[in-house]
C-alpha atoms as a PDB file:
ATOM      1  CA  MET A   1      57.745-167.599 159.194  1.00  0.00           C
ATOM      2  CA  PHE A   2      56.386-167.795 162.971  1.00  0.00           C
ATOM      3  CA  ARG A   3      58.167-166.367 166.117  1.00  0.00           C
ATOM      4  CA  THR A   4      57.474-169.321 168.591  1.00  0.00           C
ATOM      5  CA  THR A   5      57.774-169.678 172.437  1.00  0.00           C
ATOM      6  CA  LEU A   6      57.118-173.020 174.584  1.00  0.00           C
ATOM      7  CA  VAL A   7      55.786-172.690 178.123  1.00  0.00           C
ATOM      8  CA  ASN A   8      56.078-175.410 180.265  1.00  0.00           C
ATOM      9  CA  LEU A   9      57.328-177.992 177.342  1.00  0.00           C
ATOM     10  CA  ALA A  10      60.669-179.404 176.127  1.00  0.00           C
ATOM     11  CA  PRO A  11      62.224-177.663 173.175  1.00  0.00           C
ATOM     12  CA  ASP A  12      60.996-180.491 170.923  1.00  0.00           C
ATOM     13  CA  GLY A  13      57.430-180.300 172.139  1.00  0.00           C
ATOM     14  CA  SER A  14      57.473-184.260 172.996  1.00  0.00           C
ATOM     15  CA  HIS A  15      56.858-183.750 176.586  1.00  0.00           C
ATOM     16  CA  ALA A  16      55.778-181.359 179.377  1.00  0.00           C
ATOM     17  CA  GLN A  17      58.407-179.801 181.824  1.00  0.00           C
ATOM     18  CA  PRO A  18      56.286-178.122 184.670  1.00  0.00           C
ATOM     19  CA  GLU A  19      57.282-174.673 186.020  1.00  0.00           C
ATOM     20  CA  THR A  20      60.285-174.100 183.318  1.00  0.00           C
ATOM     21  CA  GLY A  21      58.176-171.066 182.216  1.00  0.00           C
ATOM     22  CA  PRO A  22      58.600-169.814 178.819  1.00  0.00           C
ATOM     23  CA  ARG A  23      61.325-170.526 176.224  1.00  0.00           C
ATOM     24  CA  TYR A  24      61.622-168.471 173.054  1.00  0.00           C
ATOM     25  CA  LEU A  25      62.633-170.662 170.028  1.00  0.00           C
ATOM     26  CA  GLY A  26      62.727-167.863 167.476  1.00  0.00           C
ATOM     27  CA  GLU A  27      61.261-167.407 163.825  1.00  0.00           C
ATOM     28  CA  LEU A  28      60.257-170.942 162.933  1.00  0.00           C
ATOM     29  CA  SER A  29      59.156-172.187 159.533  1.00  0.00           C
ATOM     30  CA  ARG A  30      55.437-173.210 159.000  1.00  0.00           C
ATOM     31  CA  GLN A  31      56.779-176.954 158.472  1.00  0.00           C
ATOM     32  CA  ALA A  32      58.991-176.698 161.474  1.00  0.00           C
ATOM     33  CA  VAL A  33      55.944-175.624 163.553  1.00  0.00           C
ATOM     34  CA  GLY A  34      53.583-178.048 162.306  1.00  0.00           C
ATOM     35  CA  VAL A  35      56.290-180.664 163.364  1.00  0.00           C
ATOM     36  CA  LEU A  36      56.205-179.167 166.797  1.00  0.00           C
ATOM     37  CA  LEU A  37      52.622-179.502 166.898  1.00  0.00           C
ATOM     38  CA  ASP A  38      52.203-182.875 165.692  1.00  0.00           C
ATOM     39  CA  ARG A  39      54.684-183.698 168.968  1.00  0.00           C
ATOM     40  CA  PHE A  40      52.732-181.512 171.158  1.00  0.00           C
ATOM     41  CA  CYS A  41      49.301-183.214 170.704  1.00  0.00           C
ATOM     42  CA  THR A  42      50.346-186.601 171.717  1.00  0.00           C
ATOM     43  CA  LEU A  43      51.676-185.532 175.421  1.00  0.00           C
ATOM     44  CA  ASP A  44      50.839-187.863 178.087  1.00  0.00           C
ATOM     45  CA  GLU A  45      47.773-186.591 179.683  1.00  0.00           C
ATOM     46  CA  ALA A  46      48.669-186.762 183.080  1.00  0.00           C
ATOM     47  CA  GLU A  47      51.835-184.467 182.150  1.00  0.00           C
ATOM     48  CA  ASN A  48      49.603-182.493 180.355  1.00  0.00           C
ATOM     49  CA  ALA A  49      47.340-181.794 183.472  1.00  0.00           C
ATOM     50  CA  LYS A  50      49.823-181.232 185.820  1.00  0.00           C
ATOM     51  CA  ALA A  51      52.040-178.864 184.044  1.00  0.00           C
ATOM     52  CA  ASP A  52      49.446-176.831 181.765  1.00  0.00           C
ATOM     53  CA  PRO A  53      51.964-176.369 178.816  1.00  0.00           C
ATOM     54  CA  GLU A  54      51.177-174.341 175.720  1.00  0.00           C
ATOM     55  CA  ILE A  55      52.637-173.067 172.465  1.00  0.00           C
ATOM     56  CA  LEU A  56      52.648-169.312 171.711  1.00  0.00           C
ATOM     57  CA  VAL A  57      52.723-168.657 168.030  1.00  0.00           C
ATOM     58  CA  GLU A  58      52.861-165.036 166.824  1.00  0.00           C
ATOM     59  CA  THR A  59      53.059-163.173 163.135  1.00  0.00           C
ATOM     60  CA  ARG A  60      53.412-159.600 162.359  1.00  0.00           C
ATOM     61  CA  ARG A  61      49.244-158.888 163.122  1.00  0.00           C
ATOM     62  CA  LEU A  62      48.238-162.083 165.095  1.00  0.00           C
ATOM     63  CA  LYS A  63      49.240-163.996 168.252  1.00  0.00           C
ATOM     64  CA  HIS A  64      47.837-167.166 169.033  1.00  0.00           C
ATOM     65  CA  VAL A  65      47.750-169.616 172.052  1.00  0.00           C
ATOM     66  CA  VAL A  66      47.698-173.541 171.367  1.00  0.00           C
ATOM     67  CA  ARG A  67      46.976-176.106 173.826  1.00  0.00           C
ATOM     68  CA  THR A  68      46.346-179.658 173.954  1.00  0.00           C
ATOM     69  CA  ALA A  69      44.056-182.282 175.514  1.00  0.00           C
ATOM     70  CA  GLN A  70      43.229-185.654 174.437  1.00  0.00           C
ATOM     71  CA  GLY A  71      45.433-185.883 171.414  1.00  0.00           C
ATOM     72  CA  ARG A  72      43.397-182.638 170.112  1.00  0.00           C
ATOM     73  CA  LEU A  73      44.816-179.200 169.518  1.00  0.00           C
ATOM     74  CA  HIS A  74      42.740-176.038 171.181  1.00  0.00           C
ATOM     75  CA  LEU A  75      43.587-172.733 169.664  1.00  0.00           C
ATOM     76  CA  TYR A  76      42.904-169.511 171.520  1.00  0.00           C
ATOM     77  CA  ASP A  77      42.977-165.992 170.412  1.00  0.00           C
ATOM     78  CA  ALA A  78      45.621-164.437 172.673  1.00  0.00           C
ATOM     79  CA  ARG A  79      43.789-160.753 172.313  1.00  0.00           C
ATOM     80  CA  ASP A  80      40.408-162.123 173.689  1.00  0.00           C
ATOM     81  CA  PRO A  81      41.254-164.772 176.357  1.00  0.00           C
ATOM     82  CA  LEU A  82      37.772-165.223 177.211  1.00  0.00           C
ATOM     83  CA  ALA A  83      36.645-166.468 173.660  1.00  0.00           C
ATOM     84  CA  PRO A  84      36.073-170.391 173.543  1.00  0.00           C
ATOM     85  CA  ALA A  85      38.938-172.380 171.902  1.00  0.00           C
ATOM     86  CA  HIS A  86      38.526-173.974 168.560  1.00  0.00           C
ATOM     87  CA  VAL A  87      39.275-177.471 168.487  1.00  0.00           C
ATOM     88  CA  LEU A  88      41.482-178.049 165.039  1.00  0.00           C
ATOM     89  CA  THR A  89      43.836-180.416 163.412  1.00  0.00           C
ATOM     90  CA  VAL A  90      47.463-179.491 162.759  1.00  0.00           C
ATOM     91  CA  GLU A  91      46.563-178.170 159.240  1.00  0.00           C
ATOM     92  CA  GLU A  92      43.922-176.320 160.294  1.00  0.00           C
ATOM     93  CA  VAL A  93      45.992-174.355 163.332  1.00  0.00           C
ATOM     94  CA  LEU A  94      48.634-173.521 160.546  1.00  0.00           C
ATOM     95  CA  ALA A  95      45.957-172.445 158.040  1.00  0.00           C
ATOM     96  CA  GLU A  96      44.600-169.892 161.145  1.00  0.00           C
ATOM     97  CA  ILE A  97      48.229-168.635 162.041  1.00  0.00           C
ATOM     98  CA  ASP A  98      49.200-167.874 158.466  1.00  0.00           C
ATOM     99  CA  GLY A  99      45.880-166.203 157.395  1.00  0.00           C
ATOM    100  CA  SER A 100      44.723-168.545 154.813  1.00  0.00           C
ATOM    101  CA  ALA A 101      41.779-169.826 156.597  1.00  0.00           C
ATOM    102  CA  LEU A 102      40.645-166.228 157.032  1.00  0.00           C
ATOM    103  CA  ALA A 103      40.889-165.487 153.790  1.00  0.00           C
ATOM    104  CA  MET A 104      38.768-168.083 152.441  1.00  0.00           C
ATOM    105  CA  ARG A 105      36.336-167.017 155.344  1.00  0.00           C
ATOM    106  CA  THR A 106      36.168-163.541 153.726  1.00  0.00           C
ATOM    107  CA  ARG A 107      36.639-164.218 150.311  1.00  0.00           C
ATOM    108  CA  SER A 108      33.789-162.527 147.953  1.00  0.00           C
ATOM    109  CA  PRO A 109      30.590-163.748 148.754  1.00  0.00           C
ATOM    110  CA  PHE A 110      28.458-166.416 146.336  1.00  0.00           C
ATOM    111  CA  THR A 111      26.175-164.240 144.116  1.00  0.00           C
ATOM    112  CA  PRO A 112      22.643-165.673 143.967  1.00  0.00           C
ATOM    113  CA  PRO A 113      21.142-166.542 140.482  1.00  0.00           C
ATOM    114  CA  ALA A 114      18.833-163.487 138.835  1.00  0.00           C
ATOM    115  CA  GLU A 115      15.567-165.385 139.180  1.00  0.00           C
ATOM    116  CA  ASP A 116      16.154-165.926 143.169  1.00  0.00           C
ATOM    117  CA  LEU A 117      16.552-161.802 142.932  1.00  0.00           C
ATOM    118  CA  ILE A 118      13.193-161.044 141.490  1.00  0.00           C
ATOM    119  CA  ALA A 119      11.170-163.981 142.971  1.00  0.00           C
ATOM    120  CA  PRO A 120       8.413-162.783 145.188  1.00  0.00           C
ATOM    121  CA  VAL A 121       9.357-163.138 148.746  1.00  0.00           C
ATOM    122  CA  GLU A 122       7.049-163.541 151.485  1.00  0.00           C
ATOM    123  CA  VAL A 123       7.811-161.258 154.387  1.00  0.00           C
ATOM    124  CA  ALA A 124       7.582-163.020 157.634  1.00  0.00           C
ATOM    125  CA  PRO A 125       6.612-160.945 161.311  1.00  0.00           C
ATOM    126  CA  VAL A 126       9.299-159.591 162.497  1.00  0.00           C
ATOM    127  CA  SER A 127      10.530-160.882 165.786  1.00  0.00           C
ATOM    128  CA  ARG A 128      11.646-158.797 168.563  1.00  0.00           C
ATOM    129  CA  THR A 129      14.045-161.599 169.852  1.00  0.00           C
ATOM    130  CA  PRO A 130      17.280-161.527 168.156  1.00  0.00           C
ATOM    131  CA  SER A 131      18.156-164.429 166.168  1.00  0.00           C
ATOM    132  CA  ALA A 132      21.835-166.012 165.882  1.00  0.00           C
ATOM    133  CA  GLU A 133      21.849-165.055 162.381  1.00  0.00           C
ATOM    134  CA  VAL A 134      21.368-161.523 162.925  1.00  0.00           C
ATOM    135  CA  LEU A 135      23.621-160.927 166.155  1.00  0.00           C
ATOM    136  CA  ARG A 136      27.042-158.834 165.565  1.00  0.00           C
ATOM    137  CA  PRO A 137      30.204-160.892 165.797  1.00  0.00           C
ATOM    138  CA  SER A 138      30.801-159.013 169.166  1.00  0.00           C
ATOM    139  CA  ASN A 139      27.602-160.184 170.528  1.00  0.00           C
ATOM    140  CA  ARG A 140      27.983-163.778 169.255  1.00  0.00           C
ATOM    141  CA  VAL A 141      31.379-163.800 171.147  1.00  0.00           C
ATOM    142  CA  ALA A 142      29.615-162.522 174.220  1.00  0.00           C
ATOM    143  CA  LEU A 143      27.086-165.127 174.515  1.00  0.00           C
ATOM    144  CA  ALA A 144      29.642-168.037 173.664  1.00  0.00           C
ATOM    145  CA  THR A 145      31.467-166.747 176.622  1.00  0.00           C
ATOM    146  CA  VAL A 146      28.735-166.788 178.653  1.00  0.00           C
ATOM    147  CA  ALA A 147      27.650-170.103 177.507  1.00  0.00           C
ATOM    148  CA  LEU A 148      31.042-171.469 178.314  1.00  0.00           C
ATOM    149  CA  SER A 149      31.140-170.082 181.898  1.00  0.00           C
ATOM    150  CA  SER A 150      27.719-171.216 182.765  1.00  0.00           C
ATOM    151  CA  ALA A 151      28.773-174.614 181.191  1.00  0.00           C
ATOM    152  CA  SER A 152      31.995-174.696 183.575  1.00  0.00           C
ATOM    153  CA  TYR A 153      29.942-173.548 186.812  1.00  0.00           C
ATOM    154  CA  LEU A 154      27.388-176.395 185.950  1.00  0.00           C
ATOM    155  CA  ILE A 155      29.923-179.156 185.976  1.00  0.00           C
ATOM    156  CA  PHE A 156      30.946-178.054 189.247  1.00  0.00           C
ATOM    157  CA  CYS A 157      27.483-177.718 190.668  1.00  0.00           C
ATOM    158  CA  LEU A 158      26.681-181.297 189.196  1.00  0.00           C
ATOM    159  CA  PHE A 159      29.752-183.219 190.028  1.00  0.00           C
ATOM    160  CA  PHE A 160      31.718-181.230 192.727  1.00  0.00           C
ATOM    161  CA  ALA A 161      29.169-179.745 194.709  1.00  0.00           C
ATOM    162  CA  ASP A 162      28.793-182.126 197.558  1.00  0.00           C
ATOM    163  CA  ALA A 163      32.735-181.274 197.784  1.00  0.00           C
ATOM    164  CA  GLY A 164      32.054-177.932 199.192  1.00  0.00           C
ATOM    165  CA  GLN A 165      28.957-178.288 201.216  1.00  0.00           C
ATOM    166  CA  SER A 166      30.711-178.032 204.568  1.00  0.00           C
ATOM    167  CA  VAL A 167      34.262-176.871 205.360  1.00  0.00           C
ATOM    168  CA  ASP A 168      33.650-177.041 209.227  1.00  0.00           C
ATOM    169  CA  GLY A 169      36.287-177.823 211.122  1.00  0.00           C
ATOM    170  CA  PHE A 170      39.214-177.342 208.414  1.00  0.00           C
ATOM    171  CA  VAL A 171      42.029-175.630 209.795  1.00  0.00           C
ATOM    172  CA  PRO A 172      44.890-174.093 207.402  1.00  0.00           C
ATOM    173  CA  VAL A 173      48.499-174.767 208.140  1.00  0.00           C
ATOM    174  CA  ALA A 174      49.785-171.503 209.301  1.00  0.00           C
ATOM    175  CA  ASP A 175      53.571-172.116 209.082  1.00  0.00           C
ATOM    176  CA  GLU A 176      54.161-171.443 205.448  1.00  0.00           C
ATOM    177  CA  PRO A 177      57.533-173.441 205.401  1.00  0.00           C
ATOM    178  CA  THR A 178      55.187-176.393 206.536  1.00  0.00           C
ATOM    179  CA  SER A 179      52.288-176.045 204.160  1.00  0.00           C
ATOM    180  CA  GLU A 180      55.158-175.507 200.876  1.00  0.00           C
ATOM    181  CA  SER A 181      56.373-178.872 201.924  1.00  0.00           C
ATOM    182  CA  PHE A 182      52.948-180.800 202.196  1.00  0.00           C
ATOM    183  CA  ARG A 183      52.236-179.138 198.954  1.00  0.00           C
ATOM    184  CA  THR A 184      55.341-180.368 197.389  1.00  0.00           C
ATOM    185  CA  GLU A 185      54.672-183.668 198.627  1.00  0.00           C
ATOM    186  CA  LEU A 186      50.990-184.298 197.706  1.00  0.00           C
ATOM    187  CA  SER A 187      51.088-182.494 194.400  1.00  0.00           C
ATOM    188  CA  GLY A 188      50.449-184.532 190.954  1.00  0.00           C
ATOM    189  CA  VAL A 189      47.156-185.544 189.191  1.00  0.00           C
ATOM    190  CA  TYR A 190      44.333-187.656 191.011  1.00  0.00           C
ATOM    191  CA  MET A 191      41.184-189.167 189.092  1.00  0.00           C
ATOM    192  CA  THR A 192      38.598-191.273 189.748  1.00  0.00           C
ATOM    193  CA  GLY A 193      39.186-193.308 186.748  1.00  0.00           C
ATOM    194  CA  PRO A 194      40.053-192.742 182.813  1.00  0.00           C
ATOM    195  CA  GLN A 195      36.517-192.775 181.298  1.00  0.00           C
ATOM    196  CA  PRO A 196      34.327-190.067 179.702  1.00  0.00           C
ATOM    197  CA  GLY A 197      32.340-189.006 182.791  1.00  0.00           C
ATOM    198  CA  ASP A 198      35.060-189.516 185.319  1.00  0.00           C
ATOM    199  CA  HIS A 199      36.359-186.968 187.470  1.00  0.00           C
ATOM    200  CA  GLY A 200      40.106-185.269 188.094  1.00  0.00           C
ATOM    201  CA  ILE A 201      41.851-183.350 190.294  1.00  0.00           C
ATOM    202  CA  ALA A 202      45.328-181.823 189.614  1.00  0.00           C
ATOM    203  CA  LEU A 203      47.490-180.020 192.551  1.00  0.00           C
ATOM    204  CA  THR A 204      50.854-178.181 191.785  1.00  0.00           C
ATOM    205  CA  ALA A 205      53.356-177.472 194.044  1.00  0.00           C
ATOM    206  CA  ASP A 206      52.791-173.793 193.759  1.00  0.00           C
ATOM    207  CA  GLY A 207      49.192-174.188 195.083  1.00  0.00           C
ATOM    208  CA  ASN A 208      47.106-174.089 191.480  1.00  0.00           C
ATOM    209  CA  LEU A 209      44.014-176.617 191.766  1.00  0.00           C
ATOM    210  CA  LYS A 210      42.309-177.893 188.608  1.00  0.00           C
ATOM    211  CA  LEU A 211      38.890-179.722 188.796  1.00  0.00           C
ATOM    212  CA  PHE A 212      38.444-181.620 185.274  1.00  0.00           C
ATOM    213  CA  GLN A 213      35.967-184.161 184.252  1.00  0.00           C
ATOM    214  CA  ASN A 214      36.880-186.353 181.134  1.00  0.00           C
ATOM    215  CA  ASN A 215      34.427-186.011 177.951  1.00  0.00           C
ATOM    216  CA  ALA A 216      33.684-188.317 175.606  1.00  0.00           C
ATOM    217  CA  GLN A 217      34.440-185.822 172.544  1.00  0.00           C
ATOM    218  CA  GLY A 218      36.624-182.545 173.031  1.00  0.00           C
ATOM    219  CA  ALA A 219      38.164-181.136 176.050  1.00  0.00           C
ATOM    220  CA  PRO A 220      37.958-182.096 179.831  1.00  0.00           C
ATOM    221  CA  SER A 221      35.433-179.531 181.374  1.00  0.00           C
ATOM    222  CA  LEU A 222      37.665-177.419 183.554  1.00  0.00           C
ATOM    223  CA  ILE A 223      37.800-175.368 186.592  1.00  0.00           C
ATOM    224  CA  ARG A 224      40.635-173.676 188.094  1.00  0.00           C
ATOM    225  CA  ASP A 225      41.319-172.593 191.328  1.00  0.00           C
ATOM    226  CA  THR A 226      44.040-172.202 194.297  1.00  0.00           C
ATOM    227  CA  TYR A 227      44.125-174.115 197.508  1.00  0.00           C
ATOM    228  CA  ARG A 228      45.076-174.045 200.895  1.00  0.00           C
ATOM    229  CA  ILE A 229      46.815-177.080 202.942  1.00  0.00           C
ATOM    230  CA  GLY A 230      45.418-177.608 206.503  1.00  0.00           C
ATOM    231  CA  HIS A 231      43.867-180.433 208.581  1.00  0.00           C
ATOM    232  CA  VAL A 232      40.094-182.000 209.177  1.00  0.00           C
ATOM    233  CA  GLY A 233      40.776-183.220 212.703  1.00  0.00           C
ATOM    234  CA  SER A 234      43.774-185.425 212.421  1.00  0.00           C
ATOM    235  CA  GLN A 235      43.911-186.045 208.391  1.00  0.00           C
ATOM    236  CA  ILE A 236      45.665-183.684 206.356  1.00  0.00           C
ATOM    237  CA  SER A 237      43.454-182.063 204.139  1.00  0.00           C
ATOM    238  CA  ALA A 238      43.101-179.057 200.935  1.00  0.00           C
ATOM    239  CA  ARG A 239      40.682-176.841 200.486  1.00  0.00           C
ATOM    240  CA  GLY A 240      39.821-174.786 197.130  1.00  0.00           C
ATOM    241  CA  THR A 241      39.466-170.665 197.559  1.00  0.00           C
ATOM    242  CA  GLU A 242      36.857-170.346 195.384  1.00  0.00           C
ATOM    243  CA  THR A 243      35.024-173.452 194.880  1.00  0.00           C
ATOM    244  CA  LYS A 244      35.478-174.398 198.619  1.00  0.00           C
ATOM    245  CA  VAL A 245      35.817-177.954 197.660  1.00  0.00           C
ATOM    246  CA  THR A 246      37.511-180.172 200.417  1.00  0.00           C
ATOM    247  CA  LEU A 247      40.293-182.839 199.491  1.00  0.00           C
ATOM    248  CA  ARG A 248      41.105-185.301 202.135  1.00  0.00           C
ATOM    249  CA  PHE A 249      44.162-187.300 201.554  1.00  0.00           C
ATOM    250  CA  ASP A 250      44.680-191.087 202.423  1.00  0.00           C
ATOM    251  CA  GLY A 251      48.701-191.032 202.386  1.00  0.00           C
ATOM    252  CA  LYS A 252      50.218-189.706 199.351  1.00  0.00           C
ATOM    253  CA  THR A 253      48.042-191.724 196.770  1.00  0.00           C
ATOM    254  CA  ARG A 254      44.689-191.394 197.519  1.00  0.00           C
ATOM    255  CA  LEU A 255      42.159-188.732 198.322  1.00  0.00           C
ATOM    256  CA  THR A 256      38.654-188.336 198.705  1.00  0.00           C
ATOM    257  CA  SER A 257      36.285-185.528 198.119  1.00  0.00           C
ATOM    258  CA  GLY A 258      32.669-184.766 197.390  1.00  0.00           C
ATOM    259  CA  GLY A 259      31.990-188.818 198.242  1.00  0.00           C
ATOM    260  CA  GLU A 260      34.399-190.021 195.657  1.00  0.00           C
ATOM    261  CA  THR A 261      37.823-191.784 195.759  1.00  0.00           C
ATOM    262  CA  TYR A 262      40.513-190.138 193.583  1.00  0.00           C
ATOM    263  CA  HIS A 263      43.796-192.077 192.998  1.00  0.00           C
ATOM    264  CA  ARG A 264      47.088-190.655 192.264  1.00  0.00           C
ATOM    265  CA  LEU A 265      48.615-191.198 188.628  1.00  0.00           C
ATOM    266  CA  PRO A 266      52.104-192.529 188.411  1.00  0.00           C
END
């Protein structure tokens, strides 16, 4: 049995419910969790980007976080949030959770034939640069984390750099009720298009910001930030806290940033 908790998600996993928070479903069978995951990976992309839903699945010794994007499941180790996700099928996710996948990976290693053991071995010069084959698991995780962070930063530099070149003239709204009203009115998902390589921006009413790029394979490249509402001249705008990205709104259905025009999804 798996202890299962839904976050920002309907009880049957069929659609996202923004800002509903965690909902504990109790202990579910392997089959029941499989049905839930099947529904979860069919979520509408706009709902998914706005609500950021996830499924937490716990066993006696392990705790996993499952997210979804573009019809795929992304499995995270809750004990190591910096480790990259594994993109898996429903059955592969269940195998990771119930431990059967680990058992397969750690079974007795293959023993080479006897002739291989006594065959002459040519000793290659020792390299002072450690290769991936001799790295310890902890080092591999560290390298993967650095690579993931570098990739995210590179995505921002390549595709959103123009958005943060200059924030001169941005004046934040000082009155919090007014700022909250604007955030509620303008929150949503804005995209330049639905194709791989197109960019998107997701804004929530509580001040969270996501910059993402659609990829042909795998989950979108994603950068998370927060934002403040303000003005650039007479135009309602928003500014990222860390990325310094500036978003200029043209009514409620369109914004411009970094020389690109984004249209709000219905």
